[in-house]
Amino acid sequence: MYVCVCQAVTSKQLAVTIAQGATTMKALRNELGVATCCGKCARDVRSQLQQTCGSAGGCACAARS
């Protein structure tokens, strides 16, 4: 499913990028360009980031983004 329509980023791409170490919104913006155009995806991106990091033992840095 597309999370960021402006940049054509899917939830699967987000999951892979997070698994590869992008554990902040800033890192995801730099890597995928999410939340850089209209911003409507920011809440969903942040939610997936927190869910993924939480299930992976927690990424305290994700809460600071």
N, C-alpha and C. Protein backbone atom coordinates (compact mmCIF):
# COMPACT_ATOMS: atom_id res chain seq x y z
N MET A 1 0.84 -1.17 0.00
CA MET A 1 0.00 0.00 0.00
C MET A 1 0.90 1.25 0.00
N TYR A 2 0.49 2.25 -0.76
CA TYR A 2 1.24 3.49 -0.79
C TYR A 2 1.02 4.27 0.50
N VAL A 3 2.11 4.69 1.09
CA VAL A 3 2.06 5.53 2.28
C VAL A 3 2.26 6.98 1.86
N CYS A 4 3.19 7.21 0.97
CA CYS A 4 3.48 8.55 0.44
C CYS A 4 3.20 8.53 -1.05
N VAL A 5 2.09 9.12 -1.43
CA VAL A 5 1.70 9.15 -2.83
C VAL A 5 2.60 10.09 -3.62
N CYS A 6 2.98 11.20 -3.02
CA CYS A 6 3.81 12.19 -3.72
C CYS A 6 5.14 11.60 -4.19
N GLN A 7 5.73 10.73 -3.37
CA GLN A 7 7.02 10.13 -3.69
C GLN A 7 6.90 8.66 -4.09
N ALA A 8 5.67 8.15 -4.18
CA ALA A 8 5.40 6.76 -4.55
C ALA A 8 6.15 5.77 -3.66
N VAL A 9 6.03 5.97 -2.34
CA VAL A 9 6.69 5.11 -1.36
C VAL A 9 5.65 4.20 -0.72
N THR A 10 5.95 2.91 -0.70
CA THR A 10 5.03 1.94 -0.13
C THR A 10 5.42 1.60 1.31
N SER A 11 4.50 0.98 2.01
CA SER A 11 4.78 0.56 3.39
C SER A 11 5.90 -0.48 3.41
N LYS A 12 6.00 -1.29 2.36
CA LYS A 12 7.07 -2.29 2.29
C LYS A 12 8.43 -1.59 2.14
N GLN A 13 8.51 -0.55 1.32
CA GLN A 13 9.75 0.21 1.17
C GLN A 13 10.13 0.85 2.50
N LEU A 14 9.16 1.37 3.22
CA LEU A 14 9.42 1.95 4.54
C LEU A 14 10.00 0.91 5.46
N ALA A 15 9.37 -0.26 5.51
CA ALA A 15 9.83 -1.33 6.40
C ALA A 15 11.27 -1.74 6.09
N VAL A 16 11.60 -1.85 4.82
CA VAL A 16 12.96 -2.24 4.42
C VAL A 16 13.95 -1.15 4.82
N THR A 17 13.60 0.09 4.58
CA THR A 17 14.50 1.21 4.90
C THR A 17 14.71 1.31 6.41
N ILE A 18 13.66 1.10 7.18
CA ILE A 18 13.78 1.11 8.64
C ILE A 18 14.67 -0.04 9.10
N ALA A 19 14.47 -1.21 8.51
CA ALA A 19 15.29 -2.38 8.87
C ALA A 19 16.76 -2.17 8.53
N GLN A 20 17.03 -1.35 7.54
CA GLN A 20 18.40 -1.07 7.15
C GLN A 20 19.04 0.04 7.99
N GLY A 21 18.27 0.57 8.96
CA GLY A 21 18.88 1.51 9.90
C GLY A 21 18.32 2.92 9.92
N ALA A 22 17.38 3.23 9.06
CA ALA A 22 16.77 4.57 9.08
C ALA A 22 15.72 4.59 10.19
N THR A 23 16.11 5.02 11.38
CA THR A 23 15.22 4.91 12.54
C THR A 23 14.71 6.26 13.03
N THR A 24 14.78 7.28 12.17
CA THR A 24 14.21 8.59 12.51
C THR A 24 13.44 9.11 11.30
N MET A 25 12.55 10.05 11.54
CA MET A 25 11.83 10.67 10.44
C MET A 25 12.81 11.38 9.51
N LYS A 26 13.82 12.01 10.07
CA LYS A 26 14.81 12.72 9.26
C LYS A 26 15.51 11.75 8.30
N ALA A 27 15.88 10.59 8.82
CA ALA A 27 16.54 9.58 7.98
C ALA A 27 15.61 9.09 6.87
N LEU A 28 14.34 8.89 7.21
CA LEU A 28 13.38 8.44 6.20
C LEU A 28 13.14 9.52 5.15
N ARG A 29 13.09 10.78 5.58
CA ARG A 29 12.97 11.88 4.62
C ARG A 29 14.17 11.91 3.68
N ASN A 30 15.36 11.75 4.23
CA ASN A 30 16.57 11.78 3.41
C ASN A 30 16.64 10.60 2.45
N GLU A 31 16.28 9.42 2.93
CA GLU A 31 16.38 8.20 2.11
C GLU A 31 15.28 8.08 1.07
N LEU A 32 14.04 8.36 1.48
CA LEU A 32 12.88 8.09 0.62
C LEU A 32 12.14 9.34 0.15
N GLY A 33 12.40 10.45 0.78
CA GLY A 33 11.71 11.68 0.42
C GLY A 33 10.31 11.81 1.00
N VAL A 34 9.96 10.93 1.94
CA VAL A 34 8.62 11.00 2.54
C VAL A 34 8.46 12.28 3.35
N ALA A 35 7.24 12.79 3.40
CA ALA A 35 6.88 13.98 4.16
C ALA A 35 7.66 15.22 3.72
N THR A 36 8.03 15.27 2.44
CA THR A 36 8.74 16.44 1.93
C THR A 36 7.91 17.27 0.96
N CYS A 37 6.76 16.78 0.59
CA CYS A 37 5.95 17.50 -0.39
C CYS A 37 4.70 18.04 0.30
N CYS A 38 3.63 17.28 0.33
CA CYS A 38 2.38 17.78 0.93
C CYS A 38 2.32 17.52 2.43
N GLY A 39 3.05 16.52 2.92
CA GLY A 39 3.11 16.22 4.34
C GLY A 39 1.99 15.35 4.88
N LYS A 40 1.05 14.97 4.04
CA LYS A 40 -0.09 14.16 4.51
C LYS A 40 0.33 12.78 5.00
N CYS A 41 1.47 12.30 4.56
CA CYS A 41 1.92 10.96 4.94
C CYS A 41 2.66 10.93 6.28
N ALA A 42 3.04 12.08 6.79
CA ALA A 42 3.91 12.14 7.97
C ALA A 42 3.38 11.32 9.14
N ARG A 43 2.10 11.42 9.42
CA ARG A 43 1.53 10.69 10.56
C ARG A 43 1.63 9.19 10.34
N ASP A 44 1.33 8.72 9.12
CA ASP A 44 1.39 7.29 8.84
C ASP A 44 2.83 6.77 8.84
N VAL A 45 3.74 7.57 8.32
CA VAL A 45 5.15 7.19 8.32
C VAL A 45 5.66 7.09 9.75
N ARG A 46 5.35 8.09 10.56
CA ARG A 46 5.78 8.09 11.97
C ARG A 46 5.19 6.89 12.71
N SER A 47 3.93 6.58 12.43
CA SER A 47 3.28 5.44 13.07
C SER A 47 3.96 4.13 12.70
N GLN A 48 4.26 3.94 11.41
CA GLN A 48 4.94 2.71 11.00
C GLN A 48 6.34 2.65 11.60
N LEU A 49 7.01 3.77 11.67
CA LEU A 49 8.34 3.82 12.27
C LEU A 49 8.28 3.38 13.73
N GLN A 50 7.34 3.92 14.48
CA GLN A 50 7.21 3.56 15.89
C GLN A 50 6.81 2.11 16.08
N GLN A 51 5.90 1.62 15.24
CA GLN A 51 5.48 0.22 15.34
C GLN A 51 6.64 -0.72 15.02
N THR A 52 7.38 -0.41 13.99
CA THR A 52 8.50 -1.26 13.58
C THR A 52 9.60 -1.24 14.62
N CYS A 53 9.95 -0.07 15.10
CA CYS A 53 11.01 0.02 16.11
C CYS A 53 10.57 -0.61 17.42
N GLY A 54 9.31 -0.46 17.78
CA GLY A 54 8.80 -1.06 19.00
C GLY A 54 8.86 -2.57 18.97
N SER A 55 8.54 -3.14 17.81
CA SER A 55 8.56 -4.60 17.70
C SER A 55 9.97 -5.13 17.54
N ALA A 56 10.92 -4.24 17.25
CA ALA A 56 12.31 -4.67 17.08
C ALA A 56 13.13 -4.42 18.33
N GLY A 57 12.47 -4.24 19.45
CA GLY A 57 13.20 -4.02 20.69
C GLY A 57 13.30 -2.57 21.08
N GLY A 58 12.69 -1.72 20.30
CA GLY A 58 12.64 -0.30 20.65
C GLY A 58 13.77 0.51 20.06
N CYS A 59 13.42 1.61 19.49
CA CYS A 59 14.38 2.57 18.96
C CYS A 59 14.08 3.89 19.66
N ALA A 60 14.76 4.17 20.71
CA ALA A 60 14.49 5.39 21.47
C ALA A 60 14.66 6.62 20.59
N CYS A 61 15.53 6.52 19.60
CA CYS A 61 15.77 7.68 18.74
C CYS A 61 14.55 7.99 17.86
N ALA A 62 13.68 7.04 17.61
CA ALA A 62 12.50 7.28 16.78
C ALA A 62 11.54 8.25 17.45
N ALA A 63 11.50 8.26 18.75
CA ALA A 63 10.60 9.16 19.46
C ALA A 63 11.07 10.60 19.39
N ARG A 64 12.34 10.81 19.10
CA ARG A 64 12.89 12.18 19.04
C ARG A 64 12.74 12.83 17.69
N SER A 65 12.32 12.09 16.66
CA SER A 65 12.26 12.67 15.32
C SER A 65 11.13 13.64 15.14
